[in-house]
């Protein structure tokens, strides 16, 4: 299995935003569970769920089943070849503590989130 790598890293003062590319679905699931509603909305939109599914075929973001549905869509989008999956995880570090903020199956979505976070902390 390919190794995890730092795909992007930028610092502002004592805060550092990094995007890791990982092939570990367990780590990606932990990151997914840390996402707040704004991050989930960005992921929902980046996956094009509203455009892909008819209104009755997918739960709304506020539905109780939305989180499991979104995870399944993320996992489907992360497939590369065969059973290999890859994810982009956005972390924010401050001093010795780190917080996971976002996970995506694609670099463009993770980059948008990471750069938006950099703007927000400046």
PDB file of N, CA and C in Angstrom:
ATOM      1  N   UNK A   1       0.851  -1.175   0.000  1.00  0.00           N
ATOM      2  CA  UNK A   1       0.000   0.000   0.000  1.00  0.00           C
ATOM      3  C   UNK A   1       0.898   1.239   0.000  1.00  0.00           C
ATOM      4  N   UNK A   2       0.543   2.267  -0.786  1.00  0.00           N
ATOM      5  CA  UNK A   2       1.323   3.507  -0.806  1.00  0.00           C
ATOM      6  C   UNK A   2       1.351   4.167   0.570  1.00  0.00           C
ATOM      7  N   UNK A   3       2.366   4.956   0.792  1.00  0.00           N
ATOM      8  CA  UNK A   3       2.555   5.628   2.075  1.00  0.00           C
ATOM      9  C   UNK A   3       1.813   6.967   2.118  1.00  0.00           C
ATOM     10  N   UNK A   4       1.450   7.367   3.326  1.00  0.00           N
ATOM     11  CA  UNK A   4       0.849   8.684   3.541  1.00  0.00           C
ATOM     12  C   UNK A   4       1.895   9.749   3.231  1.00  0.00           C
ATOM     13  N   UNK A   5       1.448  10.874   2.665  1.00  0.00           N
ATOM     14  CA  UNK A   5       2.388  11.953   2.363  1.00  0.00           C
ATOM     15  C   UNK A   5       1.750  13.314   2.628  1.00  0.00           C
ATOM     16  N   UNK A   6       2.600  14.293   2.944  1.00  0.00           N
ATOM     17  CA  UNK A   6       2.131  15.665   3.093  1.00  0.00           C
ATOM     18  C   UNK A   6       1.993  16.226   1.690  1.00  0.00           C
ATOM     19  N   UNK A   7       0.782  16.646   1.347  1.00  0.00           N
ATOM     20  CA  UNK A   7       0.492  17.127   0.006  1.00  0.00           C
ATOM     21  C   UNK A   7       0.574  18.646  -0.067  1.00  0.00           C
ATOM     22  N   UNK A   8       0.323  19.309   1.059  1.00  0.00           N
ATOM     23  CA  UNK A   8       0.284  20.772   1.137  1.00  0.00           C
ATOM     24  C   UNK A   8       0.565  21.158   2.575  1.00  0.00           C
ATOM     25  N   UNK A   9       1.321  22.233   2.767  1.00  0.00           N
ATOM     26  CA  UNK A   9       1.576  22.730   4.115  1.00  0.00           C
ATOM     27  C   UNK A   9       1.830  24.227   4.044  1.00  0.00           C
ATOM     28  N   UNK A  10       1.159  24.967   4.918  1.00  0.00           N
ATOM     29  CA  UNK A  10       1.344  26.413   4.965  1.00  0.00           C
ATOM     30  C   UNK A  10       1.123  26.874   6.401  1.00  0.00           C
ATOM     31  N   UNK A  11       1.913  27.864   6.819  1.00  0.00           N
ATOM     32  CA  UNK A  11       1.821  28.374   8.182  1.00  0.00           C
ATOM     33  C   UNK A  11       1.455  29.841   8.202  1.00  0.00           C
ATOM     34  N   UNK A  12       0.715  30.208   9.245  1.00  0.00           N
ATOM     35  CA  UNK A  12       0.406  31.599   9.549  1.00  0.00           C
ATOM     36  C   UNK A  12       0.645  31.749  11.046  1.00  0.00           C
ATOM     37  N   UNK A  13       1.676  32.507  11.393  1.00  0.00           N
ATOM     38  CA  UNK A  13       2.013  32.628  12.803  1.00  0.00           C
ATOM     39  C   UNK A  13       2.337  31.261  13.374  1.00  0.00           C
ATOM     40  N   UNK A  14       1.701  30.929  14.482  1.00  0.00           N
ATOM     41  CA  UNK A  14       1.953  29.634  15.104  1.00  0.00           C
ATOM     42  C   UNK A  14       1.003  28.534  14.619  1.00  0.00           C
ATOM     43  N   UNK A  15       0.146  28.848  13.684  1.00  0.00           N
ATOM     44  CA  UNK A  15      -0.787  27.852  13.138  1.00  0.00           C
ATOM     45  C   UNK A  15      -0.271  27.314  11.813  1.00  0.00           C
ATOM     46  N   UNK A  16      -0.497  26.030  11.620  1.00  0.00           N
ATOM     47  CA  UNK A  16      -0.067  25.376  10.387  1.00  0.00           C
ATOM     48  C   UNK A  16      -1.239  24.560   9.838  1.00  0.00           C
ATOM     49  N   UNK A  17      -1.504  24.732   8.571  1.00  0.00           N
ATOM     50  CA  UNK A  17      -2.507  23.930   7.874  1.00  0.00           C
ATOM     51  C   UNK A  17      -1.760  22.954   6.981  1.00  0.00           C
ATOM     52  N   UNK A  18      -2.147  21.687   7.072  1.00  0.00           N
ATOM     53  CA  UNK A  18      -1.532  20.696   6.202  1.00  0.00           C
ATOM     54  C   UNK A  18      -2.612  19.804   5.611  1.00  0.00           C
ATOM     55  N   UNK A  19      -2.326  19.336   4.409  1.00  0.00           N
ATOM     56  CA  UNK A  19      -3.198  18.369   3.754  1.00  0.00           C
ATOM     57  C   UNK A  19      -2.372  17.106   3.564  1.00  0.00           C
ATOM     58  N   UNK A  20      -2.875  16.021   4.137  1.00  0.00           N
ATOM     59  CA  UNK A  20      -2.222  14.731   4.002  1.00  0.00           C
ATOM     60  C   UNK A  20      -2.971  13.889   2.983  1.00  0.00           C
ATOM     61  N   UNK A  21      -2.240  13.204   2.142  1.00  0.00           N
ATOM     62  CA  UNK A  21      -2.859  12.205   1.275  1.00  0.00           C
ATOM     63  C   UNK A  21      -2.634  10.868   1.964  1.00  0.00           C
ATOM     64  N   UNK A  22      -3.733  10.180   2.223  1.00  0.00           N
ATOM     65  CA  UNK A  22      -3.649   8.908   2.923  1.00  0.00           C
ATOM     66  C   UNK A  22      -4.437   7.843   2.170  1.00  0.00           C
ATOM     67  N   UNK A  23      -4.033   6.611   2.384  1.00  0.00           N
ATOM     68  CA  UNK A  23      -4.694   5.475   1.765  1.00  0.00           C
ATOM     69  C   UNK A  23      -5.392   4.619   2.831  1.00  0.00           C
ATOM     70  N   UNK A  24      -5.535   5.173   4.009  1.00  0.00           N
ATOM     71  CA  UNK A  24      -6.083   4.459   5.160  1.00  0.00           C
ATOM     72  C   UNK A  24      -7.543   4.855   5.396  1.00  0.00           C
ATOM     73  N   UNK A  25      -8.498   3.979   5.063  1.00  0.00           N
ATOM     74  CA  UNK A  25      -9.908   4.329   5.248  1.00  0.00           C
ATOM     75  C   UNK A  25     -10.296   4.530   6.719  1.00  0.00           C
ATOM     76  N   UNK A  26      -9.617   3.868   7.635  1.00  0.00           N
ATOM     77  CA  UNK A  26      -9.923   4.053   9.059  1.00  0.00           C
ATOM     78  C   UNK A  26      -9.546   5.467   9.513  1.00  0.00           C
ATOM     79  N   UNK A  27      -8.379   5.919   9.077  1.00  0.00           N
ATOM     80  CA  UNK A  27      -7.948   7.281   9.396  1.00  0.00           C
ATOM     81  C   UNK A  27      -8.886   8.291   8.752  1.00  0.00           C
ATOM     82  N   UNK A  28      -9.285   8.019   7.516  1.00  0.00           N
ATOM     83  CA  UNK A  28     -10.224   8.917   6.818  1.00  0.00           C
ATOM     84  C   UNK A  28     -11.559   8.965   7.545  1.00  0.00           C
ATOM     85  N   UNK A  29     -12.015   7.837   8.052  1.00  0.00           N
ATOM     86  CA  UNK A  29     -13.296   7.812   8.778  1.00  0.00           C
ATOM     87  C   UNK A  29     -13.195   8.622  10.061  1.00  0.00           C
ATOM     88  N   UNK A  30     -12.071   8.523  10.760  1.00  0.00           N
ATOM     89  CA  UNK A  30     -11.861   9.336  11.968  1.00  0.00           C
ATOM     90  C   UNK A  30     -11.901  10.821  11.611  1.00  0.00           C
ATOM     91  N   UNK A  31     -11.274  11.179  10.502  1.00  0.00           N
ATOM     92  CA  UNK A  31     -11.288  12.575  10.057  1.00  0.00           C
ATOM     93  C   UNK A  31     -12.712  13.008   9.710  1.00  0.00           C
ATOM     94  N   UNK A  32     -13.436  12.139   9.032  1.00  0.00           N
ATOM     95  CA  UNK A  32     -14.817  12.432   8.660  1.00  0.00           C
ATOM     96  C   UNK A  32     -15.664  12.692   9.905  1.00  0.00           C
ATOM     97  N   UNK A  33     -15.469  11.888  10.929  1.00  0.00           N
ATOM     98  CA  UNK A  33     -16.240  12.039  12.162  1.00  0.00           C
ATOM     99  C   UNK A  33     -15.923  13.346  12.895  1.00  0.00           C
ATOM    100  N   UNK A  34     -14.799  13.961  12.589  1.00  0.00           N
ATOM    101  CA  UNK A  34     -14.412  15.243  13.211  1.00  0.00           C
ATOM    102  C   UNK A  34     -14.969  16.460  12.467  1.00  0.00           C
ATOM    103  N   UNK A  35     -15.500  16.252  11.269  1.00  0.00           N
ATOM    104  CA  UNK A  35     -15.956  17.379  10.451  1.00  0.00           C
ATOM    105  C   UNK A  35     -17.193  18.041  11.043  1.00  0.00           C
ATOM    106  N   UNK A  36     -17.206  19.381  11.004  1.00  0.00           N
ATOM    107  CA  UNK A  36     -18.397  20.106  11.444  1.00  0.00           C
ATOM    108  C   UNK A  36     -19.382  20.225  10.280  1.00  0.00           C
ATOM    109  N   UNK A  37     -20.524  20.838  10.530  1.00  0.00           N
ATOM    110  CA  UNK A  37     -21.572  20.899   9.504  1.00  0.00           C
ATOM    111  C   UNK A  37     -21.150  21.717   8.286  1.00  0.00           C
ATOM    112  N   UNK A  38     -20.356  22.779   8.470  1.00  0.00           N
ATOM    113  CA  UNK A  38     -19.885  23.561   7.322  1.00  0.00           C
ATOM    114  C   UNK A  38     -18.963  22.723   6.431  1.00  0.00           C
ATOM    115  N   UNK A  39     -18.091  21.949   7.060  1.00  0.00           N
ATOM    116  CA  UNK A  39     -17.188  21.088   6.300  1.00  0.00           C
ATOM    117  C   UNK A  39     -17.977  20.006   5.567  1.00  0.00           C
ATOM    118  N   UNK A  40     -18.997  19.443   6.224  1.00  0.00           N
ATOM    119  CA  UNK A  40     -19.817  18.435   5.564  1.00  0.00           C
ATOM    120  C   UNK A  40     -20.587  19.031   4.391  1.00  0.00           C
ATOM    121  N   UNK A  41     -21.036  20.260   4.530  1.00  0.00           N
ATOM    122  CA  UNK A  41     -21.735  20.925   3.428  1.00  0.00           C
ATOM    123  C   UNK A  41     -20.801  21.122   2.237  1.00  0.00           C
ATOM    124  N   UNK A  42     -19.570  21.548   2.493  1.00  0.00           N
ATOM    125  CA  UNK A  42     -18.595  21.704   1.409  1.00  0.00           C
ATOM    126  C   UNK A  42     -18.340  20.365   0.726  1.00  0.00           C
ATOM    127  N   UNK A  43     -18.180  19.312   1.515  1.00  0.00           N
ATOM    128  CA  UNK A  43     -17.955  17.988   0.936  1.00  0.00           C
ATOM    129  C   UNK A  43     -19.168  17.555   0.110  1.00  0.00           C
ATOM    130  N   UNK A  44     -20.356  17.735   0.650  1.00  0.00           N
ATOM    131  CA  UNK A  44     -21.606  17.402  -0.048  1.00  0.00           C
ATOM    132  C   UNK A  44     -21.641  18.077  -1.423  1.00  0.00           C
ATOM    133  N   UNK A  45     -21.335  19.379  -1.421  1.00  0.00           N
ATOM    134  CA  UNK A  45     -21.363  20.144  -2.671  1.00  0.00           C
ATOM    135  C   UNK A  45     -20.244  19.718  -3.616  1.00  0.00           C
ATOM    136  N   UNK A  46     -19.057  19.449  -3.082  1.00  0.00           N
ATOM    137  CA  UNK A  46     -17.941  19.059  -3.953  1.00  0.00           C
ATOM    138  C   UNK A  46     -18.176  17.693  -4.590  1.00  0.00           C
ATOM    139  N   UNK A  47     -18.929  16.838  -3.911  1.00  0.00           N
ATOM    140  CA  UNK A  47     -19.263  15.531  -4.479  1.00  0.00           C
ATOM    141  C   UNK A  47     -20.428  15.605  -5.461  1.00  0.00           C
ATOM    142  N   UNK A  48     -21.088  16.757  -5.526  1.00  0.00           N
ATOM    143  CA  UNK A  48     -22.178  16.960  -6.468  1.00  0.00           C
ATOM    144  C   UNK A  48     -23.403  16.112  -6.163  1.00  0.00           C
ATOM    145  N   UNK A  49     -23.655  15.874  -4.898  1.00  0.00           N
ATOM    146  CA  UNK A  49     -24.752  14.984  -4.518  1.00  0.00           C
ATOM    147  C   UNK A  49     -26.096  15.526  -4.965  1.00  0.00           C
ATOM    148  N   UNK A  50     -26.334  16.809  -4.794  1.00  0.00           N
ATOM    149  CA  UNK A  50     -27.625  17.386  -5.188  1.00  0.00           C
ATOM    150  C   UNK A  50     -27.847  17.303  -6.693  1.00  0.00           C
ATOM    151  N   UNK A  51     -26.762  17.338  -7.466  1.00  0.00           N
ATOM    152  CA  UNK A  51     -26.874  17.246  -8.916  1.00  0.00           C
ATOM    153  C   UNK A  51     -26.968  15.801  -9.394  1.00  0.00           C
ATOM    154  N   UNK A  52     -26.414  14.876  -8.620  1.00  0.00           N
ATOM    155  CA  UNK A  52     -26.359  13.472  -9.009  1.00  0.00           C
ATOM    156  C   UNK A  52     -27.652  12.721  -8.706  1.00  0.00           C
ATOM    157  N   UNK A  53     -28.293  13.097  -7.599  1.00  0.00           N
ATOM    158  CA  UNK A  53     -29.475  12.370  -7.141  1.00  0.00           C
ATOM    159  C   UNK A  53     -30.726  13.224  -7.238  1.00  0.00           C
ATOM    160  N   UNK A  54     -31.841  12.563  -7.529  1.00  0.00           N
ATOM    161  CA  UNK A  54     -33.141  13.237  -7.461  1.00  0.00           C
ATOM    162  C   UNK A  54     -33.477  13.482  -5.993  1.00  0.00           C
ATOM    163  N   UNK A  55     -34.356  14.430  -5.745  1.00  0.00           N
ATOM    164  CA  UNK A  55     -34.684  14.852  -4.377  1.00  0.00           C
ATOM    165  C   UNK A  55     -35.049  13.692  -3.455  1.00  0.00           C
ATOM    166  N   UNK A  56     -35.798  12.724  -3.912  1.00  0.00           N
ATOM    167  CA  UNK A  56     -36.210  11.616  -3.055  1.00  0.00           C
ATOM    168  C   UNK A  56     -35.202  10.487  -2.941  1.00  0.00           C
ATOM    169  N   UNK A  57     -34.131  10.534  -3.729  1.00  0.00           N
ATOM    170  CA  UNK A  57     -33.164   9.438  -3.750  1.00  0.00           C
ATOM    171  C   UNK A  57     -32.006   9.607  -2.777  1.00  0.00           C
ATOM    172  N   UNK A  58     -31.853  10.785  -2.223  1.00  0.00           N
ATOM    173  CA  UNK A  58     -30.767  11.048  -1.270  1.00  0.00           C
ATOM    174  C   UNK A  58     -31.339  11.814  -0.086  1.00  0.00           C
ATOM    175  N   UNK A  59     -30.818  11.556   1.108  1.00  0.00           N
ATOM    176  CA  UNK A  59     -31.295  12.327   2.255  1.00  0.00           C
ATOM    177  C   UNK A  59     -30.811  13.767   2.154  1.00  0.00           C
ATOM    178  N   UNK A  60     -31.486  14.666   2.837  1.00  0.00           N
ATOM    179  CA  UNK A  60     -30.987  16.032   2.939  1.00  0.00           C
ATOM    180  C   UNK A  60     -29.880  16.072   3.979  1.00  0.00           C
ATOM    181  N   UNK A  61     -29.073  17.094   3.946  1.00  0.00           N
ATOM    182  CA  UNK A  61     -27.962  17.186   4.895  1.00  0.00           C
ATOM    183  C   UNK A  61     -28.416  17.189   6.354  1.00  0.00           C
ATOM    184  N   UNK A  62     -29.629  17.636   6.629  1.00  0.00           N
ATOM    185  CA  UNK A  62     -30.117  17.678   8.002  1.00  0.00           C
ATOM    186  C   UNK A  62     -30.789  16.377   8.431  1.00  0.00           C
ATOM    187  N   UNK A  63     -30.955  15.425   7.523  1.00  0.00           N
ATOM    188  CA  UNK A  63     -31.569  14.137   7.854  1.00  0.00           C
ATOM    189  C   UNK A  63     -30.635  13.295   8.724  1.00  0.00           C
ATOM    190  N   UNK A  64     -31.203  12.448   9.576  1.00  0.00           N
ATOM    191  CA  UNK A  64     -30.372  11.592  10.436  1.00  0.00           C
ATOM    192  C   UNK A  64     -29.467  10.637   9.655  1.00  0.00           C
ATOM    193  N   UNK A  65     -29.878  10.224   8.461  1.00  0.00           N
ATOM    194  CA  UNK A  65     -29.085   9.286   7.666  1.00  0.00           C
ATOM    195  C   UNK A  65     -28.046   9.979   6.781  1.00  0.00           C
ATOM    196  N   UNK A  66     -28.002  11.291   6.810  1.00  0.00           N
ATOM    197  CA  UNK A  66     -27.126  12.030   5.896  1.00  0.00           C
ATOM    198  C   UNK A  66     -25.649  11.706   6.116  1.00  0.00           C
ATOM    199  N   UNK A  67     -25.229  11.558   7.357  1.00  0.00           N
ATOM    200  CA  UNK A  67     -23.825  11.307   7.636  1.00  0.00           C
ATOM    201  C   UNK A  67     -23.362   9.983   7.036  1.00  0.00           C
ATOM    202  N   UNK A  68     -24.141   8.925   7.218  1.00  0.00           N
ATOM    203  CA  UNK A  68     -23.773   7.625   6.643  1.00  0.00           C
ATOM    204  C   UNK A  68     -23.790   7.681   5.118  1.00  0.00           C
ATOM    205  N   UNK A  69     -24.776   8.365   4.563  1.00  0.00           N
ATOM    206  CA  UNK A  69     -24.875   8.521   3.112  1.00  0.00           C
ATOM    207  C   UNK A  69     -23.658   9.279   2.581  1.00  0.00           C
ATOM    208  N   UNK A  70     -23.291  10.374   3.252  1.00  0.00           N
ATOM    209  CA  UNK A  70     -22.152  11.185   2.824  1.00  0.00           C
ATOM    210  C   UNK A  70     -20.860  10.382   2.910  1.00  0.00           C
ATOM    211  N   UNK A  71     -20.691   9.585   3.966  1.00  0.00           N
ATOM    212  CA  UNK A  71     -19.501   8.747   4.094  1.00  0.00           C
ATOM    213  C   UNK A  71     -19.427   7.752   2.926  1.00  0.00           C
ATOM    214  N   UNK A  72     -20.562   7.120   2.596  1.00  0.00           N
ATOM    215  CA  UNK A  72     -20.576   6.165   1.489  1.00  0.00           C
ATOM    216  C   UNK A  72     -20.200   6.836   0.168  1.00  0.00           C
ATOM    217  N   UNK A  73     -20.692   8.049  -0.043  1.00  0.00           N
ATOM    218  CA  UNK A  73     -20.344   8.791  -1.265  1.00  0.00           C
ATOM    219  C   UNK A  73     -18.863   9.170  -1.269  1.00  0.00           C
ATOM    220  N   UNK A  74     -18.346   9.555  -0.129  1.00  0.00           N
ATOM    221  CA  UNK A  74     -16.922   9.877   0.005  1.00  0.00           C
ATOM    222  C   UNK A  74     -16.086   8.645  -0.316  1.00  0.00           C
ATOM    223  N   UNK A  75     -16.461   7.523   0.243  1.00  0.00           N
ATOM    224  CA  UNK A  75     -15.735   6.276   0.012  1.00  0.00           C
ATOM    225  C   UNK A  75     -15.784   5.881  -1.461  1.00  0.00           C
ATOM    226  N   UNK A  76     -16.941   6.019  -2.107  1.00  0.00           N
ATOM    227  CA  UNK A  76     -17.042   5.723  -3.540  1.00  0.00           C
ATOM    228  C   UNK A  76     -16.147   6.650  -4.362  1.00  0.00           C
ATOM    229  N   UNK A  77     -16.111   7.934  -3.983  1.00  0.00           N
ATOM    230  CA  UNK A  77     -15.286   8.895  -4.707  1.00  0.00           C
ATOM    231  C   UNK A  77     -13.797   8.689  -4.499  1.00  0.00           C
ATOM    232  N   UNK A  78     -13.433   7.988  -3.429  1.00  0.00           N
ATOM    233  CA  UNK A  78     -12.025   7.783  -3.093  1.00  0.00           C
ATOM    234  C   UNK A  78     -11.403   6.586  -3.815  1.00  0.00           C
ATOM    235  N   UNK A  79     -12.208   5.802  -4.509  1.00  0.00           N
ATOM    236  CA  UNK A  79     -11.696   4.603  -5.191  1.00  0.00           C
ATOM    237  C   UNK A  79     -10.765   4.986  -6.334  1.00  0.00           C
ATOM    238  N   UNK A  80      -9.605   4.370  -6.344  1.00  0.00           N
ATOM    239  CA  UNK A  80      -8.652   4.612  -7.426  1.00  0.00           C
ATOM    240  C   UNK A  80      -8.640   3.438  -8.396  1.00  0.00           C
ATOM    241  N   UNK A  81      -8.125   2.317  -7.961  1.00  0.00           N
ATOM    242  CA  UNK A  81      -8.095   1.122  -8.805  1.00  0.00           C
ATOM    243  C   UNK A  81      -8.285  -0.095  -7.910  1.00  0.00           C
ATOM    244  N   UNK A  82      -9.172  -0.958  -8.309  1.00  0.00           N
ATOM    245  CA  UNK A  82      -9.447  -2.130  -7.491  1.00  0.00           C
ATOM    246  C   UNK A  82      -9.968  -1.725  -6.125  1.00  0.00           C
ATOM    247  N   UNK A  83      -9.298  -2.189  -5.094  1.00  0.00           N
ATOM    248  CA  UNK A  83      -9.726  -1.871  -3.737  1.00  0.00           C
ATOM    249  C   UNK A  83      -8.943  -0.704  -3.126  1.00  0.00           C
ATOM    250  N   UNK A  84      -8.036  -0.094  -3.894  1.00  0.00           N
ATOM    251  CA  UNK A  84      -7.246   1.022  -3.398  1.00  0.00           C
ATOM    252  C   UNK A  84      -8.095   2.288  -3.315  1.00  0.00           C
ATOM    253  N   UNK A  85      -8.047   2.947  -2.164  1.00  0.00           N
ATOM    254  CA  UNK A  85      -8.750   4.212  -1.970  1.00  0.00           C
ATOM    255  C   UNK A  85      -7.747   5.246  -1.464  1.00  0.00           C
ATOM    256  N   UNK A  86      -7.992   6.508  -1.799  1.00  0.00           N
ATOM    257  CA  UNK A  86      -7.126   7.578  -1.294  1.00  0.00           C
ATOM    258  C   UNK A  86      -7.989   8.751  -0.854  1.00  0.00           C
ATOM    259  N   UNK A  87      -7.490   9.448   0.156  1.00  0.00           N
ATOM    260  CA  UNK A  87      -8.214  10.557   0.764  1.00  0.00           C
ATOM    261  C   UNK A  87      -7.247  11.713   1.017  1.00  0.00           C
ATOM    262  N   UNK A  88      -7.800  12.914   1.058  1.00  0.00           N
ATOM    263  CA  UNK A  88      -7.040  14.101   1.412  1.00  0.00           C
ATOM    264  C   UNK A  88      -7.613  14.630   2.724  1.00  0.00           C
ATOM    265  N   UNK A  89      -6.784  14.658   3.758  1.00  0.00           N
ATOM    266  CA  UNK A  89      -7.205  15.048   5.098  1.00  0.00           C
ATOM    267  C   UNK A  89      -6.564  16.383   5.449  1.00  0.00           C
ATOM    268  N   UNK A  90      -7.399  17.351   5.866  1.00  0.00           N
ATOM    269  CA  UNK A  90      -6.911  18.678   6.242  1.00  0.00           C
ATOM    270  C   UNK A  90      -6.822  18.746   7.764  1.00  0.00           C
ATOM    271  N   UNK A  91      -5.621  19.082   8.243  1.00  0.00           N
ATOM    272  CA  UNK A  91      -5.371  19.252   9.675  1.00  0.00           C
ATOM    273  C   UNK A  91      -4.916  20.668   9.956  1.00  0.00           C
ATOM    274  N   UNK A  92      -5.243  21.141  11.134  1.00  0.00           N
ATOM    275  CA  UNK A  92      -4.733  22.431  11.600  1.00  0.00           C
ATOM    276  C   UNK A  92      -3.975  22.191  12.892  1.00  0.00           C
ATOM    277  N   UNK A  93      -2.721  22.629  12.921  1.00  0.00           N
ATOM    278  CA  UNK A  93      -1.883  22.471  14.105  1.00  0.00           C
ATOM    279  C   UNK A  93      -1.609  23.829  14.716  1.00  0.00           C
ATOM    280  N   UNK A  94      -1.622  23.841  16.027  1.00  0.00           N
ATOM    281  CA  UNK A  94      -1.296  25.054  16.780  1.00  0.00           C
ATOM    282  C   UNK A  94      -0.434  24.612  17.941  1.00  0.00           C
ATOM    283  N   UNK A  95       0.852  24.993  17.875  1.00  0.00           N
ATOM    284  CA  UNK A  95       1.782  24.493  18.887  1.00  0.00           C
ATOM    285  C   UNK A  95       1.900  22.983  18.760  1.00  0.00           C
ATOM    286  N   UNK A  96       1.692  22.291  19.862  1.00  0.00           N
ATOM    287  CA  UNK A  96       1.818  20.830  19.844  1.00  0.00           C
ATOM    288  C   UNK A  96       0.477  20.118  19.649  1.00  0.00           C
ATOM    289  N   UNK A  97      -0.615  20.885  19.554  1.00  0.00           N
ATOM    290  CA  UNK A  97      -1.923  20.249  19.359  1.00  0.00           C
ATOM    291  C   UNK A  97      -2.335  20.331  17.891  1.00  0.00           C
ATOM    292  N   UNK A  98      -3.083  19.328  17.470  1.00  0.00           N
ATOM    293  CA  UNK A  98      -3.530  19.259  16.093  1.00  0.00           C
ATOM    294  C   UNK A  98      -4.998  18.876  16.067  1.00  0.00           C
ATOM    295  N   UNK A  99      -5.716  19.421  15.086  1.00  0.00           N
ATOM    296  CA  UNK A  99      -7.138  19.143  14.936  1.00  0.00           C
ATOM    297  C   UNK A  99      -7.413  18.784  13.479  1.00  0.00           C
ATOM    298  N   UNK A 100      -8.164  17.724  13.274  1.00  0.00           N
ATOM    299  CA  UNK A 100      -8.565  17.328  11.936  1.00  0.00           C
ATOM    300  C   UNK A 100      -9.856  18.046  11.593  1.00  0.00           C
ATOM    301  N   UNK A 101      -9.902  18.678  10.408  1.00  0.00           N
ATOM    302  CA  UNK A 101     -11.024  19.526  10.038  1.00  0.00           C
ATOM    303  C   UNK A 101     -11.839  19.031   8.852  1.00  0.00           C
ATOM    304  N   UNK A 102     -11.212  18.278   7.940  1.00  0.00           N
ATOM    305  CA  UNK A 102     -11.881  17.978   6.670  1.00  0.00           C
ATOM    306  C   UNK A 102     -11.239  16.761   6.032  1.00  0.00           C
ATOM    307  N   UNK A 103     -12.037  16.006   5.291  1.00  0.00           N
ATOM    308  CA  UNK A 103     -11.520  14.917   4.474  1.00  0.00           C
ATOM    309  C   UNK A 103     -12.297  14.895   3.164  1.00  0.00           C
ATOM    310  N   UNK A 104     -11.590  14.598   2.092  1.00  0.00           N
ATOM    311  CA  UNK A 104     -12.187  14.597   0.760  1.00  0.00           C
ATOM    312  C   UNK A 104     -11.532  13.504  -0.081  1.00  0.00           C
ATOM    313  N   UNK A 105     -12.242  13.015  -1.090  1.00  0.00           N
ATOM    314  CA  UNK A 105     -11.609  12.053  -1.988  1.00  0.00           C
ATOM    315  C   UNK A 105     -10.784  12.719  -3.086  1.00  0.00           C
ATOM    316  N   UNK A 106     -10.819  14.053  -3.151  1.00  0.00           N
ATOM    317  CA  UNK A 106     -10.110  14.741  -4.235  1.00  0.00           C
ATOM    318  C   UNK A 106      -9.312  15.937  -3.715  1.00  0.00           C
ATOM    319  N   UNK A 107      -8.220  16.219  -4.413  1.00  0.00           N
ATOM    320  CA  UNK A 107      -7.346  17.322  -4.052  1.00  0.00           C
ATOM    321  C   UNK A 107      -8.021  18.687  -4.192  1.00  0.00           C
ATOM    322  N   UNK A 108      -8.748  18.989  -5.268  1.00  0.00           N
ATOM    323  CA  UNK A 108      -9.311  20.336  -5.390  1.00  0.00           C
ATOM    324  C   UNK A 108     -10.199  20.742  -4.213  1.00  0.00           C
ATOM    325  N   UNK A 109     -11.024  19.859  -3.734  1.00  0.00           N
ATOM    326  CA  UNK A 109     -11.900  20.168  -2.600  1.00  0.00           C
ATOM    327  C   UNK A 109     -11.077  20.402  -1.327  1.00  0.00           C
ATOM    328  N   UNK A 110     -10.081  19.556  -1.087  1.00  0.00           N
ATOM    329  CA  UNK A 110      -9.222  19.720   0.090  1.00  0.00           C
ATOM    330  C   UNK A 110      -8.433  21.025   0.001  1.00  0.00           C
ATOM    331  N   UNK A 111      -7.974  21.365  -1.192  1.00  0.00           N
ATOM    332  CA  UNK A 111      -7.235  22.611  -1.379  1.00  0.00           C
ATOM    333  C   UNK A 111      -8.124  23.824  -1.097  1.00  0.00           C
ATOM    334  N   UNK A 112      -9.347  23.805  -1.583  1.00  0.00           N
ATOM    335  CA  UNK A 112     -10.281  24.904  -1.320  1.00  0.00           C
ATOM    336  C   UNK A 112     -10.506  25.059   0.175  1.00  0.00           C
ATOM    337  N   UNK A 113     -10.721  23.939   0.858  1.00  0.00           N
ATOM    338  CA  UNK A 113     -10.954  24.005   2.300  1.00  0.00           C
ATOM    339  C   UNK A 113      -9.712  24.536   3.024  1.00  0.00           C
ATOM    340  N   UNK A 114      -8.542  23.997   2.701  1.00  0.00           N
ATOM    341  CA  UNK A 114      -7.296  24.399   3.365  1.00  0.00           C
ATOM    342  C   UNK A 114      -6.993  25.877   3.143  1.00  0.00           C
ATOM    343  N   UNK A 115      -7.116  26.341   1.927  1.00  0.00           N
ATOM    344  CA  UNK A 115      -6.832  27.754   1.640  1.00  0.00           C
ATOM    345  C   UNK A 115      -7.877  28.667   2.273  1.00  0.00           C
ATOM    346  N   UNK A 116      -9.129  28.221   2.315  1.00  0.00           N
ATOM    347  CA  UNK A 116     -10.162  28.982   3.004  1.00  0.00           C
ATOM    348  C   UNK A 116      -9.880  29.081   4.486  1.00  0.00           C
ATOM    349  N   UNK A 117      -9.369  28.005   5.058  1.00  0.00           N
ATOM    350  CA  UNK A 117      -9.016  28.013   6.473  1.00  0.00           C
ATOM    351  C   UNK A 117      -7.831  28.951   6.727  1.00  0.00           C
ATOM    352  N   UNK A 118      -6.879  28.971   5.811  1.00  0.00           N
ATOM    353  CA  UNK A 118      -5.741  29.891   5.952  1.00  0.00           C
ATOM    354  C   UNK A 118      -6.208  31.337   5.965  1.00  0.00           C
ATOM    355  N   UNK A 119      -7.151  31.659   5.098  1.00  0.00           N
ATOM    356  CA  UNK A 119      -7.701  33.023   5.061  1.00  0.00           C
ATOM    357  C   UNK A 119      -8.416  33.337   6.355  1.00  0.00           C
ATOM    358  N   UNK A 120      -9.173  32.383   6.872  1.00  0.00           N
ATOM    359  CA  UNK A 120      -9.949  32.598   8.086  1.00  0.00           C
ATOM    360  C   UNK A 120      -9.080  32.830   9.323  1.00  0.00           C
ATOM    361  N   UNK A 121      -7.900  32.233   9.383  1.00  0.00           N
ATOM    362  CA  UNK A 121      -7.059  32.380  10.574  1.00  0.00           C
ATOM    363  C   UNK A 121      -6.080  33.552  10.474  1.00  0.00           C
ATOM    364  N   UNK A 122      -6.034  34.211   9.340  1.00  0.00           N
ATOM    365  CA  UNK A 122      -5.101  35.351   9.194  1.00  0.00           C
ATOM    366  C   UNK A 122      -5.631  36.584   9.887  1.00  0.00           C
TER     367      UNK A 122
END
